[in-house]
Amino acid sequence: MRTTLLTTMMAIAAAVVACSADARDTAGRASQPASGDTAAPARADTTPAAGSAGESPSGNDWTTGIVDVAATAAGAPAVVSALRTAMHGGFDRFTLEFADGAEVPGYRIEYIDRPLHDCGSGDQIHPVGEAWLEVRLYPAAAHTEAGQPTLPARELPADGSLMLRTYRTCNFEAVVTFVIALSSPNPYRVNVLDQPSRLVIDVRH
C-alpha cells in the first residue's frame, strides 16, 4: 500500500515539473520574433517630392528653366507703365510696373537664343551680351488706348552688373515681350508685388 502511494506521488511530481518546463518554453518562444519577421527601424524619407511636369517655381525659387504662369483674370490688357533695372546685393533686378491698379498679366519667362525678332516687322535684332532672358506678357500692352507708347524707347540701357540692356521685341495683339541682355545665363527668380502691381525678376550674381 505504501509502495503504491509513493509511486503515485512521484508520478504527480514529475507531471508538475514537466508542465512548468513547457510553460517556460512557450513563454520564451512568444517573446522572440520568428525568423525573418524582425521589423526594420523606420527610415526618414530624405528624397524631395518631385514637382509635377511643367510646374513653375514659386516666388523665391532660383531657376534657369521656364517660368510660365497663366493670367488669373480675363479683361482688358494690363498696360506696362514703367520699366526699371537696378543692382542689389547679390542680384540685379528687372521690374515692370502696371498702370491703374491692373493685375499682373500672365507671363512666360525663359532663356532664348539670338538673334531676336521684332514680332511686328519680323526684323532681326542683334542684342549685346552672352545670355538673353525673354519676358512675355499676355494680355498686355505697352501703349495707351490712343496708341502712345508708355515707355521711352524700345531699347534701354540697364543698371546692373549682369544686366546690360533691355529690348522690347513685341507690342502687338495684347502681347508684350521684353528681352533682358545679360553677361551670363545665371539663375533667376520671379515675384509678383502689389500697390502698385509689379512683376519683379531678380538675376543672381
N, C-alpha and C. Protein backbone atom coordinates (compact mmCIF):
# COMPACT_ATOMS: atom_id res chain seq x y z
N MET A 1 0.83 -1.21 0.00
CA MET A 1 0.00 0.00 0.00
C MET A 1 0.86 1.25 0.00
N ARG A 2 1.88 1.25 0.93
CA ARG A 2 2.77 2.41 1.00
C ARG A 2 3.54 2.57 -0.30
N THR A 3 3.92 1.43 -0.90
CA THR A 3 4.68 1.48 -2.16
C THR A 3 3.84 2.10 -3.27
N THR A 4 2.57 1.73 -3.35
CA THR A 4 1.66 2.28 -4.38
C THR A 4 1.48 3.77 -4.19
N LEU A 5 1.28 4.19 -2.93
CA LEU A 5 1.10 5.63 -2.65
C LEU A 5 2.34 6.42 -3.02
N LEU A 6 3.53 5.87 -2.72
CA LEU A 6 4.77 6.58 -3.05
C LEU A 6 4.94 6.71 -4.55
N THR A 7 4.57 5.63 -5.26
CA THR A 7 4.71 5.66 -6.73
C THR A 7 3.78 6.71 -7.33
N THR A 8 2.58 6.81 -6.81
CA THR A 8 1.60 7.79 -7.30
C THR A 8 2.09 9.20 -7.06
N MET A 9 2.63 9.49 -5.87
CA MET A 9 3.10 10.83 -5.54
C MET A 9 4.28 11.23 -6.43
N MET A 10 5.17 10.25 -6.74
CA MET A 10 6.31 10.55 -7.60
C MET A 10 5.84 10.87 -9.02
N ALA A 11 4.81 10.19 -9.49
CA ALA A 11 4.27 10.45 -10.84
C ALA A 11 3.66 11.84 -10.93
N ILE A 12 2.95 12.23 -9.85
CA ILE A 12 2.34 13.58 -9.82
C ILE A 12 3.40 14.65 -9.85
N ALA A 13 4.46 14.48 -9.07
CA ALA A 13 5.54 15.47 -9.02
C ALA A 13 6.21 15.61 -10.37
N ALA A 14 6.43 14.50 -11.07
CA ALA A 14 7.07 14.55 -12.40
C ALA A 14 6.21 15.29 -13.40
N ALA A 15 4.90 15.10 -13.27
CA ALA A 15 3.97 15.78 -14.19
C ALA A 15 4.00 17.29 -13.97
N VAL A 16 4.06 17.69 -12.67
CA VAL A 16 4.11 19.13 -12.36
C VAL A 16 5.37 19.76 -12.93
N VAL A 17 6.52 19.08 -12.76
CA VAL A 17 7.79 19.61 -13.29
C VAL A 17 7.73 19.73 -14.80
N ALA A 18 7.18 18.74 -15.48
CA ALA A 18 7.08 18.78 -16.94
C ALA A 18 6.21 19.92 -17.42
N CYS A 19 5.09 20.15 -16.74
CA CYS A 19 4.19 21.27 -17.13
C CYS A 19 4.88 22.62 -16.97
N SER A 20 5.66 22.78 -15.87
CA SER A 20 6.36 24.04 -15.64
C SER A 20 7.38 24.29 -16.74
N ALA A 21 8.08 23.27 -17.16
CA ALA A 21 9.08 23.43 -18.23
C ALA A 21 8.42 23.80 -19.54
N ASP A 22 7.28 23.16 -19.84
CA ASP A 22 6.55 23.51 -21.07
C ASP A 22 6.10 24.95 -21.05
N ALA A 23 5.63 25.43 -19.88
CA ALA A 23 5.15 26.81 -19.78
C ALA A 23 6.28 27.79 -20.02
N ARG A 24 7.49 27.48 -19.42
CA ARG A 24 8.61 28.38 -19.62
C ARG A 24 9.05 28.40 -21.08
N ASP A 25 9.06 27.28 -21.73
CA ASP A 25 9.47 27.20 -23.12
C ASP A 25 8.52 27.96 -24.03
N THR A 26 7.21 27.84 -23.74
CA THR A 26 6.21 28.57 -24.53
C THR A 26 6.36 30.06 -24.37
N ALA A 27 6.57 30.52 -23.14
CA ALA A 27 6.75 31.96 -22.90
C ALA A 27 7.97 32.47 -23.60
N GLY A 28 9.07 31.70 -23.58
CA GLY A 28 10.29 32.13 -24.25
C GLY A 28 10.10 32.28 -25.73
N ARG A 29 9.42 31.33 -26.36
CA ARG A 29 9.17 31.42 -27.80
C ARG A 29 8.28 32.60 -28.14
N ALA A 30 7.31 32.93 -27.32
CA ALA A 30 6.40 34.03 -27.59
C ALA A 30 7.11 35.37 -27.52
N SER A 31 8.16 35.54 -26.73
CA SER A 31 8.83 36.82 -26.57
C SER A 31 9.83 37.10 -27.66
N GLN A 32 10.14 36.13 -28.54
CA GLN A 32 11.11 36.32 -29.60
C GLN A 32 10.42 36.26 -30.95
N PRO A 33 10.74 37.21 -31.88
CA PRO A 33 10.12 37.18 -33.19
C PRO A 33 10.58 35.98 -33.98
N ALA A 34 9.69 35.49 -34.85
CA ALA A 34 10.06 34.38 -35.70
C ALA A 34 11.11 34.84 -36.69
N SER A 35 11.90 33.90 -37.20
CA SER A 35 12.96 34.23 -38.14
C SER A 35 12.39 34.94 -39.36
N GLY A 36 13.01 36.13 -39.75
CA GLY A 36 12.55 36.89 -40.91
C GLY A 36 11.47 37.89 -40.60
N ASP A 37 10.91 37.91 -39.39
CA ASP A 37 9.81 38.82 -39.04
C ASP A 37 10.28 40.02 -38.25
N THR A 38 11.58 40.15 -38.02
CA THR A 38 12.08 41.28 -37.24
C THR A 38 11.82 42.57 -38.00
N ALA A 39 11.14 43.55 -37.40
CA ALA A 39 10.79 44.81 -38.06
C ALA A 39 12.02 45.69 -38.18
N ALA A 40 12.30 46.19 -39.39
CA ALA A 40 13.41 47.11 -39.59
C ALA A 40 13.04 48.47 -39.03
N PRO A 41 14.00 49.22 -38.49
CA PRO A 41 13.69 50.56 -37.98
C PRO A 41 13.22 51.47 -39.10
N ALA A 42 12.26 52.34 -38.81
CA ALA A 42 11.72 53.26 -39.83
C ALA A 42 12.79 54.22 -40.27
N ARG A 43 12.83 54.52 -41.59
CA ARG A 43 13.81 55.46 -42.14
C ARG A 43 13.10 56.73 -42.57
N ALA A 44 13.70 57.85 -42.26
CA ALA A 44 13.14 59.11 -42.73
C ALA A 44 13.32 59.21 -44.24
N ASP A 45 12.29 59.64 -44.95
CA ASP A 45 12.36 59.78 -46.41
C ASP A 45 13.03 61.11 -46.72
N THR A 46 14.28 61.05 -47.15
CA THR A 46 15.03 62.28 -47.43
C THR A 46 14.95 62.68 -48.89
N THR A 47 14.22 61.92 -49.71
CA THR A 47 14.08 62.25 -51.12
C THR A 47 13.05 63.35 -51.28
N PRO A 48 13.39 64.51 -51.86
CA PRO A 48 12.40 65.57 -52.02
C PRO A 48 11.30 65.14 -52.98
N ALA A 49 10.09 65.57 -52.67
CA ALA A 49 8.97 65.25 -53.55
C ALA A 49 9.16 65.91 -54.89
N ALA A 50 8.92 65.19 -55.95
CA ALA A 50 9.09 65.73 -57.29
C ALA A 50 7.89 66.57 -57.67
N GLY A 51 8.13 67.71 -58.28
CA GLY A 51 7.03 68.54 -58.73
C GLY A 51 6.40 67.96 -59.98
N SER A 52 5.19 68.37 -60.28
CA SER A 52 4.53 67.88 -61.47
C SER A 52 5.21 68.45 -62.71
N ALA A 53 5.05 67.76 -63.80
CA ALA A 53 5.70 68.19 -65.05
C ALA A 53 5.24 69.57 -65.43
N GLY A 54 6.20 70.42 -65.76
CA GLY A 54 5.85 71.77 -66.20
C GLY A 54 5.56 72.73 -65.07
N GLU A 55 5.72 72.30 -63.84
CA GLU A 55 5.41 73.15 -62.72
C GLU A 55 6.38 74.31 -62.65
N SER A 56 5.86 75.49 -62.42
CA SER A 56 6.70 76.67 -62.34
C SER A 56 7.23 76.84 -60.93
N PRO A 57 8.44 77.35 -60.80
CA PRO A 57 8.96 77.60 -59.48
C PRO A 57 8.15 78.65 -58.75
N SER A 58 8.14 78.51 -57.44
CA SER A 58 7.44 79.51 -56.66
C SER A 58 8.30 80.74 -56.50
N GLY A 59 7.74 81.74 -55.78
CA GLY A 59 8.33 83.06 -55.75
C GLY A 59 9.80 83.15 -55.48
N ASN A 60 10.33 82.41 -54.49
CA ASN A 60 11.73 82.59 -54.12
C ASN A 60 12.63 81.48 -54.63
N ASP A 61 12.17 80.69 -55.57
CA ASP A 61 12.99 79.63 -56.15
C ASP A 61 13.84 80.19 -57.28
N TRP A 62 15.14 79.87 -57.25
CA TRP A 62 16.03 80.27 -58.34
C TRP A 62 15.99 79.18 -59.41
N THR A 63 16.01 79.57 -60.68
CA THR A 63 15.93 78.61 -61.77
C THR A 63 16.63 79.16 -63.00
N THR A 64 17.00 78.27 -63.90
CA THR A 64 17.43 78.67 -65.24
C THR A 64 16.45 78.13 -66.27
N GLY A 65 15.37 77.54 -65.81
CA GLY A 65 14.37 76.96 -66.70
C GLY A 65 13.29 77.95 -67.07
N ILE A 66 12.13 77.41 -67.42
CA ILE A 66 11.00 78.22 -67.88
C ILE A 66 10.04 78.46 -66.71
N VAL A 67 9.59 79.68 -66.58
CA VAL A 67 8.53 80.04 -65.63
C VAL A 67 7.33 80.48 -66.45
N ASP A 68 6.23 79.77 -66.35
CA ASP A 68 5.04 80.02 -67.18
C ASP A 68 3.83 80.09 -66.27
N VAL A 69 3.24 81.27 -66.14
CA VAL A 69 2.10 81.47 -65.25
C VAL A 69 0.97 82.11 -66.04
N ALA A 70 -0.19 81.48 -66.05
CA ALA A 70 -1.34 81.98 -66.80
C ALA A 70 -1.96 83.18 -66.10
N ALA A 71 -2.65 84.00 -66.87
CA ALA A 71 -3.37 85.14 -66.31
C ALA A 71 -4.46 84.64 -65.36
N THR A 72 -4.67 85.35 -64.27
CA THR A 72 -5.67 84.93 -63.28
C THR A 72 -7.04 85.52 -63.55
N ALA A 73 -7.12 86.52 -64.40
CA ALA A 73 -8.42 87.15 -64.67
C ALA A 73 -8.47 87.62 -66.11
N ALA A 74 -9.65 87.46 -66.71
CA ALA A 74 -9.85 87.94 -68.07
C ALA A 74 -10.24 89.42 -68.02
N GLY A 75 -9.88 90.15 -69.05
CA GLY A 75 -10.22 91.57 -69.07
C GLY A 75 -9.32 92.32 -70.02
N ALA A 76 -9.33 93.62 -69.88
CA ALA A 76 -8.51 94.46 -70.75
C ALA A 76 -7.03 94.18 -70.49
N PRO A 77 -6.19 94.36 -71.50
CA PRO A 77 -4.76 94.14 -71.31
C PRO A 77 -4.19 95.06 -70.23
N ALA A 78 -3.28 94.52 -69.44
CA ALA A 78 -2.58 95.32 -68.43
C ALA A 78 -1.55 96.18 -69.15
N VAL A 79 -1.55 97.45 -68.85
CA VAL A 79 -0.66 98.39 -69.53
C VAL A 79 0.64 98.54 -68.73
N VAL A 80 1.76 98.29 -69.40
CA VAL A 80 3.06 98.48 -68.76
C VAL A 80 3.33 99.97 -68.66
N SER A 81 3.47 100.48 -67.46
CA SER A 81 3.66 101.92 -67.27
C SER A 81 5.10 102.31 -66.95
N ALA A 82 5.91 101.35 -66.52
CA ALA A 82 7.30 101.67 -66.18
C ALA A 82 8.15 100.41 -66.26
N LEU A 83 9.41 100.61 -66.60
CA LEU A 83 10.42 99.55 -66.61
C LEU A 83 11.63 100.08 -65.87
N ARG A 84 12.10 99.30 -64.89
CA ARG A 84 13.25 99.74 -64.10
C ARG A 84 14.24 98.58 -63.94
N THR A 85 15.51 98.92 -63.89
CA THR A 85 16.55 97.94 -63.56
C THR A 85 17.42 98.53 -62.46
N ALA A 86 17.96 97.66 -61.61
CA ALA A 86 18.80 98.14 -60.51
C ALA A 86 19.67 97.00 -60.01
N MET A 87 20.80 97.35 -59.45
CA MET A 87 21.70 96.38 -58.87
C MET A 87 21.50 96.33 -57.36
N HIS A 88 21.37 95.13 -56.82
CA HIS A 88 21.22 94.93 -55.38
C HIS A 88 22.33 94.00 -54.90
N GLY A 89 22.40 93.82 -53.60
CA GLY A 89 23.39 92.90 -53.06
C GLY A 89 23.09 91.46 -53.46
N GLY A 90 23.90 90.90 -54.32
CA GLY A 90 23.73 89.51 -54.72
C GLY A 90 22.90 89.28 -55.97
N PHE A 91 22.26 90.31 -56.50
CA PHE A 91 21.45 90.12 -57.70
C PHE A 91 21.16 91.45 -58.39
N ASP A 92 20.82 91.36 -59.68
CA ASP A 92 20.30 92.51 -60.43
C ASP A 92 18.79 92.35 -60.55
N ARG A 93 18.07 93.46 -60.55
CA ARG A 93 16.59 93.40 -60.56
C ARG A 93 16.02 94.11 -61.78
N PHE A 94 15.03 93.44 -62.39
CA PHE A 94 14.26 93.98 -63.51
C PHE A 94 12.82 94.07 -63.04
N THR A 95 12.23 95.27 -63.15
CA THR A 95 10.87 95.48 -62.65
C THR A 95 9.99 96.07 -63.72
N LEU A 96 8.81 95.48 -63.89
CA LEU A 96 7.77 96.03 -64.75
C LEU A 96 6.60 96.44 -63.87
N GLU A 97 6.15 97.68 -64.05
CA GLU A 97 5.02 98.19 -63.28
C GLU A 97 3.83 98.37 -64.21
N PHE A 98 2.62 98.13 -63.67
CA PHE A 98 1.40 98.17 -64.49
C PHE A 98 0.48 99.28 -64.01
N ALA A 99 -0.15 99.95 -64.96
CA ALA A 99 -0.93 101.16 -64.69
C ALA A 99 -2.31 100.85 -64.11
N ASP A 100 -2.84 101.84 -63.39
CA ASP A 100 -4.24 101.87 -62.94
C ASP A 100 -4.63 100.65 -62.11
N GLY A 101 -3.72 100.14 -61.34
CA GLY A 101 -4.04 99.03 -60.45
C GLY A 101 -4.35 97.72 -61.14
N ALA A 102 -4.00 97.59 -62.41
CA ALA A 102 -4.27 96.35 -63.13
C ALA A 102 -3.47 95.19 -62.52
N GLU A 103 -4.06 94.01 -62.52
CA GLU A 103 -3.34 92.84 -62.05
C GLU A 103 -2.19 92.50 -63.00
N VAL A 104 -1.17 91.88 -62.46
CA VAL A 104 -0.09 91.41 -63.30
C VAL A 104 -0.66 90.37 -64.27
N PRO A 105 -0.41 90.52 -65.56
CA PRO A 105 -0.97 89.58 -66.52
C PRO A 105 -0.24 88.25 -66.49
N GLY A 106 -0.67 87.33 -67.36
CA GLY A 106 0.08 86.08 -67.50
C GLY A 106 1.47 86.36 -68.02
N TYR A 107 2.41 85.48 -67.72
CA TYR A 107 3.78 85.71 -68.18
C TYR A 107 4.49 84.37 -68.41
N ARG A 108 5.41 84.42 -69.34
CA ARG A 108 6.30 83.29 -69.62
C ARG A 108 7.72 83.84 -69.70
N ILE A 109 8.61 83.26 -68.92
CA ILE A 109 9.99 83.75 -68.84
C ILE A 109 10.92 82.59 -69.14
N GLU A 110 11.88 82.81 -70.03
CA GLU A 110 12.83 81.75 -70.38
C GLU A 110 14.05 82.33 -71.08
N TYR A 111 15.15 81.62 -70.98
CA TYR A 111 16.34 81.98 -71.74
C TYR A 111 16.15 81.55 -73.19
N ILE A 112 16.54 82.43 -74.12
CA ILE A 112 16.39 82.15 -75.54
C ILE A 112 17.73 82.40 -76.25
N ASP A 113 17.78 82.04 -77.53
CA ASP A 113 18.96 82.29 -78.35
C ASP A 113 18.77 83.55 -79.19
N ARG A 114 19.84 84.12 -79.66
CA ARG A 114 19.77 85.23 -80.60
C ARG A 114 19.94 84.69 -82.01
N PRO A 115 19.56 85.44 -83.04
CA PRO A 115 19.07 86.81 -82.97
C PRO A 115 17.63 86.87 -82.46
N LEU A 116 17.26 88.04 -81.96
CA LEU A 116 15.88 88.31 -81.58
C LEU A 116 15.13 88.75 -82.82
N HIS A 117 13.80 88.73 -82.73
CA HIS A 117 12.98 89.18 -83.85
C HIS A 117 11.87 90.09 -83.35
N ASP A 118 11.66 91.18 -84.08
CA ASP A 118 10.53 92.05 -83.80
C ASP A 118 9.26 91.34 -84.25
N CYS A 119 8.28 91.23 -83.36
CA CYS A 119 7.10 90.43 -83.69
C CYS A 119 6.23 91.09 -84.75
N GLY A 120 6.32 92.41 -84.90
CA GLY A 120 5.51 93.09 -85.90
C GLY A 120 6.12 93.05 -87.29
N SER A 121 7.38 93.49 -87.39
CA SER A 121 8.04 93.58 -88.69
C SER A 121 8.81 92.31 -89.05
N GLY A 122 9.18 91.52 -88.06
CA GLY A 122 10.00 90.35 -88.32
C GLY A 122 11.48 90.67 -88.43
N ASP A 123 11.84 91.93 -88.27
CA ASP A 123 13.25 92.33 -88.37
C ASP A 123 14.08 91.67 -87.27
N GLN A 124 15.30 91.34 -87.62
CA GLN A 124 16.21 90.76 -86.64
C GLN A 124 16.78 91.84 -85.73
N ILE A 125 16.98 91.48 -84.48
CA ILE A 125 17.62 92.36 -83.50
C ILE A 125 18.82 91.60 -82.97
N HIS A 126 19.98 92.22 -83.01
CA HIS A 126 21.21 91.56 -82.56
C HIS A 126 21.61 92.17 -81.21
N PRO A 127 21.25 91.52 -80.12
CA PRO A 127 21.49 92.11 -78.80
C PRO A 127 22.93 91.93 -78.34
N VAL A 128 23.31 92.74 -77.36
CA VAL A 128 24.60 92.59 -76.72
C VAL A 128 24.53 91.44 -75.73
N GLY A 129 25.67 91.08 -75.14
CA GLY A 129 25.69 90.11 -74.07
C GLY A 129 25.92 88.68 -74.50
N GLU A 130 25.86 87.80 -73.50
CA GLU A 130 26.09 86.37 -73.70
C GLU A 130 24.88 85.52 -73.34
N ALA A 131 23.82 86.15 -72.84
CA ALA A 131 22.60 85.42 -72.47
C ALA A 131 21.42 86.38 -72.60
N TRP A 132 20.23 85.81 -72.92
CA TRP A 132 19.08 86.66 -73.21
C TRP A 132 17.84 86.04 -72.57
N LEU A 133 17.30 86.76 -71.60
CA LEU A 133 16.14 86.29 -70.84
C LEU A 133 14.89 86.99 -71.36
N GLU A 134 14.00 86.21 -71.94
CA GLU A 134 12.78 86.77 -72.55
C GLU A 134 11.65 86.77 -71.53
N VAL A 135 10.90 87.88 -71.50
CA VAL A 135 9.75 88.05 -70.61
C VAL A 135 8.55 88.35 -71.50
N ARG A 136 7.64 87.40 -71.62
CA ARG A 136 6.46 87.54 -72.48
C ARG A 136 5.23 87.73 -71.62
N LEU A 137 4.48 88.82 -71.86
CA LEU A 137 3.30 89.17 -71.07
C LEU A 137 2.04 89.04 -71.92
N TYR A 138 0.93 88.56 -71.30
CA TYR A 138 -0.33 88.44 -72.04
C TYR A 138 -1.49 88.30 -71.05
N PRO A 139 -2.61 88.98 -71.26
CA PRO A 139 -2.77 90.09 -72.20
C PRO A 139 -2.15 91.36 -71.62
N ALA A 140 -1.45 92.08 -72.46
CA ALA A 140 -0.74 93.27 -72.00
C ALA A 140 -0.55 94.22 -73.16
N ALA A 141 -0.17 95.46 -72.84
CA ALA A 141 0.11 96.47 -73.86
C ALA A 141 1.17 97.40 -73.32
N ALA A 142 1.95 97.98 -74.24
CA ALA A 142 2.95 98.98 -73.88
C ALA A 142 2.62 100.29 -74.57
N HIS A 143 1.30 100.56 -74.69
CA HIS A 143 0.83 101.82 -75.28
C HIS A 143 -0.53 102.14 -74.69
N THR A 144 -0.92 103.40 -74.80
CA THR A 144 -2.22 103.83 -74.31
C THR A 144 -3.30 103.47 -75.33
N GLU A 145 -4.55 103.72 -74.95
CA GLU A 145 -5.65 103.48 -75.89
C GLU A 145 -5.52 104.35 -77.13
N ALA A 146 -4.87 105.50 -76.99
CA ALA A 146 -4.65 106.39 -78.14
C ALA A 146 -3.45 105.97 -78.98
N GLY A 147 -2.77 104.91 -78.55
CA GLY A 147 -1.64 104.42 -79.33
C GLY A 147 -0.30 105.01 -78.95
N GLN A 148 -0.26 105.82 -77.89
CA GLN A 148 1.00 106.42 -77.47
C GLN A 148 1.82 105.43 -76.63
N PRO A 149 3.11 105.28 -76.92
CA PRO A 149 3.94 104.35 -76.14
C PRO A 149 4.06 104.79 -74.69
N THR A 150 4.07 103.83 -73.80
CA THR A 150 4.16 104.13 -72.37
C THR A 150 5.60 104.03 -71.85
N LEU A 151 6.52 103.59 -72.69
CA LEU A 151 7.94 103.52 -72.32
C LEU A 151 8.74 104.41 -73.26
N PRO A 152 9.85 104.95 -72.81
CA PRO A 152 10.57 105.94 -73.62
C PRO A 152 11.20 105.40 -74.89
N ALA A 153 11.55 104.12 -74.93
CA ALA A 153 12.22 103.58 -76.12
C ALA A 153 12.09 102.07 -76.13
N ARG A 154 12.30 101.48 -77.30
CA ARG A 154 12.28 100.03 -77.41
C ARG A 154 13.52 99.38 -76.82
N GLU A 155 14.62 100.11 -76.84
CA GLU A 155 15.88 99.60 -76.32
C GLU A 155 16.39 100.56 -75.25
N LEU A 156 16.69 100.00 -74.06
CA LEU A 156 17.10 100.85 -72.94
C LEU A 156 18.33 100.26 -72.25
N PRO A 157 19.23 101.10 -71.78
CA PRO A 157 20.37 100.59 -71.01
C PRO A 157 19.89 100.07 -69.67
N ALA A 158 20.62 99.10 -69.13
CA ALA A 158 20.26 98.52 -67.83
C ALA A 158 21.28 98.92 -66.78
N ASP A 159 20.81 99.04 -65.56
CA ASP A 159 21.67 99.41 -64.43
C ASP A 159 21.92 98.15 -63.61
N GLY A 160 23.05 97.52 -63.83
CA GLY A 160 23.35 96.30 -63.09
C GLY A 160 24.73 95.78 -63.45
N SER A 161 25.19 94.76 -62.72
CA SER A 161 26.48 94.17 -63.03
C SER A 161 26.35 93.05 -64.06
N LEU A 162 25.17 92.41 -64.13
CA LEU A 162 24.89 91.37 -65.12
C LEU A 162 24.01 91.88 -66.25
N MET A 163 23.02 92.68 -65.91
CA MET A 163 22.10 93.20 -66.92
C MET A 163 22.77 94.30 -67.72
N LEU A 164 22.72 94.17 -69.04
CA LEU A 164 23.40 95.13 -69.91
C LEU A 164 22.42 96.06 -70.62
N ARG A 165 21.40 95.49 -71.24
CA ARG A 165 20.39 96.29 -71.94
C ARG A 165 19.07 95.53 -71.90
N THR A 166 17.98 96.26 -72.15
CA THR A 166 16.67 95.63 -72.31
C THR A 166 16.13 95.99 -73.69
N TYR A 167 15.42 95.04 -74.28
CA TYR A 167 14.83 95.22 -75.61
C TYR A 167 13.35 94.89 -75.54
N ARG A 168 12.53 95.76 -76.09
CA ARG A 168 11.12 95.42 -76.25
C ARG A 168 10.95 94.89 -77.66
N THR A 169 10.64 93.61 -77.78
CA THR A 169 10.58 92.97 -79.09
C THR A 169 9.16 92.76 -79.60
N CYS A 170 8.16 93.03 -78.74
CA CYS A 170 6.78 92.85 -79.19
C CYS A 170 5.84 93.75 -78.40
N ASN A 171 4.88 94.34 -79.12
CA ASN A 171 3.78 95.09 -78.52
C ASN A 171 2.63 95.03 -79.53
N PHE A 172 2.04 93.83 -79.61
CA PHE A 172 1.12 93.55 -80.71
C PHE A 172 0.08 92.53 -80.28
N GLU A 173 -1.18 92.86 -80.54
CA GLU A 173 -2.30 91.94 -80.27
C GLU A 173 -2.27 91.41 -78.84
N ALA A 174 -2.16 92.35 -77.90
CA ALA A 174 -2.23 92.06 -76.46
C ALA A 174 -1.07 91.20 -75.96
N VAL A 175 0.03 91.20 -76.70
CA VAL A 175 1.24 90.52 -76.24
C VAL A 175 2.38 91.53 -76.20
N VAL A 176 3.08 91.59 -75.08
CA VAL A 176 4.25 92.45 -74.93
C VAL A 176 5.42 91.55 -74.52
N THR A 177 6.54 91.73 -75.22
CA THR A 177 7.71 90.92 -74.92
C THR A 177 8.93 91.81 -74.72
N PHE A 178 9.66 91.52 -73.65
CA PHE A 178 10.94 92.18 -73.39
C PHE A 178 12.02 91.11 -73.35
N VAL A 179 13.23 91.51 -73.70
CA VAL A 179 14.39 90.63 -73.57
C VAL A 179 15.45 91.37 -72.77
N ILE A 180 15.93 90.70 -71.73
CA ILE A 180 17.00 91.26 -70.89
C ILE A 180 18.31 90.66 -71.36
N ALA A 181 19.22 91.51 -71.84
CA ALA A 181 20.55 91.05 -72.26
C ALA A 181 21.45 90.99 -71.04
N LEU A 182 22.11 89.83 -70.86
CA LEU A 182 22.92 89.59 -69.68
C LEU A 182 24.33 89.15 -70.08
N SER A 183 25.25 89.30 -69.17
CA SER A 183 26.61 88.85 -69.44
C SER A 183 26.79 87.36 -69.17
N SER A 184 25.81 86.73 -68.50
CA SER A 184 25.89 85.31 -68.19
C SER A 184 24.49 84.78 -67.90
N PRO A 185 24.19 83.52 -68.29
CA PRO A 185 22.85 82.95 -68.06
C PRO A 185 22.67 82.44 -66.63
N ASN A 186 22.71 83.35 -65.69
CA ASN A 186 22.64 82.98 -64.28
C ASN A 186 21.21 82.63 -63.86
N PRO A 187 21.05 81.92 -62.75
CA PRO A 187 19.70 81.63 -62.25
C PRO A 187 18.93 82.90 -61.92
N TYR A 188 17.63 82.82 -62.08
CA TYR A 188 16.75 83.96 -61.79
C TYR A 188 15.56 83.49 -60.96
N ARG A 189 14.86 84.46 -60.36
CA ARG A 189 13.64 84.17 -59.63
C ARG A 189 12.61 85.24 -59.98
N VAL A 190 11.34 84.91 -59.74
CA VAL A 190 10.24 85.80 -60.12
C VAL A 190 9.36 86.05 -58.92
N ASN A 191 8.94 87.30 -58.75
CA ASN A 191 7.99 87.65 -57.71
C ASN A 191 6.96 88.62 -58.26
N VAL A 192 5.75 88.55 -57.72
CA VAL A 192 4.68 89.47 -58.07
C VAL A 192 4.38 90.33 -56.84
N LEU A 193 4.42 91.64 -57.00
CA LEU A 193 4.17 92.57 -55.91
C LEU A 193 2.96 93.43 -56.23
N ASP A 194 2.38 94.04 -55.20
CA ASP A 194 1.22 94.90 -55.44
C ASP A 194 1.41 96.27 -54.81
N GLN A 195 0.47 97.13 -55.10
CA GLN A 195 0.44 98.52 -54.60
C GLN A 195 1.74 99.28 -54.89
N PRO A 196 2.07 99.53 -56.13
CA PRO A 196 1.36 99.16 -57.36
C PRO A 196 1.72 97.75 -57.84
N SER A 197 0.95 97.28 -58.83
CA SER A 197 1.20 95.95 -59.37
C SER A 197 2.54 95.92 -60.10
N ARG A 198 3.36 94.93 -59.76
CA ARG A 198 4.69 94.83 -60.38
C ARG A 198 5.06 93.36 -60.59
N LEU A 199 5.76 93.13 -61.68
CA LEU A 199 6.41 91.85 -61.94
C LEU A 199 7.90 92.07 -61.75
N VAL A 200 8.51 91.32 -60.86
CA VAL A 200 9.91 91.54 -60.48
C VAL A 200 10.72 90.29 -60.81
N ILE A 201 11.82 90.49 -61.53
CA ILE A 201 12.72 89.39 -61.87
C ILE A 201 14.11 89.72 -61.34
N ASP A 202 14.63 88.85 -60.51
CA ASP A 202 15.99 89.01 -59.98
C ASP A 202 16.89 87.99 -60.65
N VAL A 203 18.06 88.44 -61.08
CA VAL A 203 19.07 87.54 -61.66
C VAL A 203 20.26 87.52 -60.71
N ARG A 204 20.59 86.33 -60.26
CA ARG A 204 21.62 86.18 -59.22
C ARG A 204 23.02 86.45 -59.78
N HIS A 205 23.84 87.13 -58.99
CA HIS A 205 25.23 87.41 -59.39
C HIS A 205 26.06 86.13 -59.36
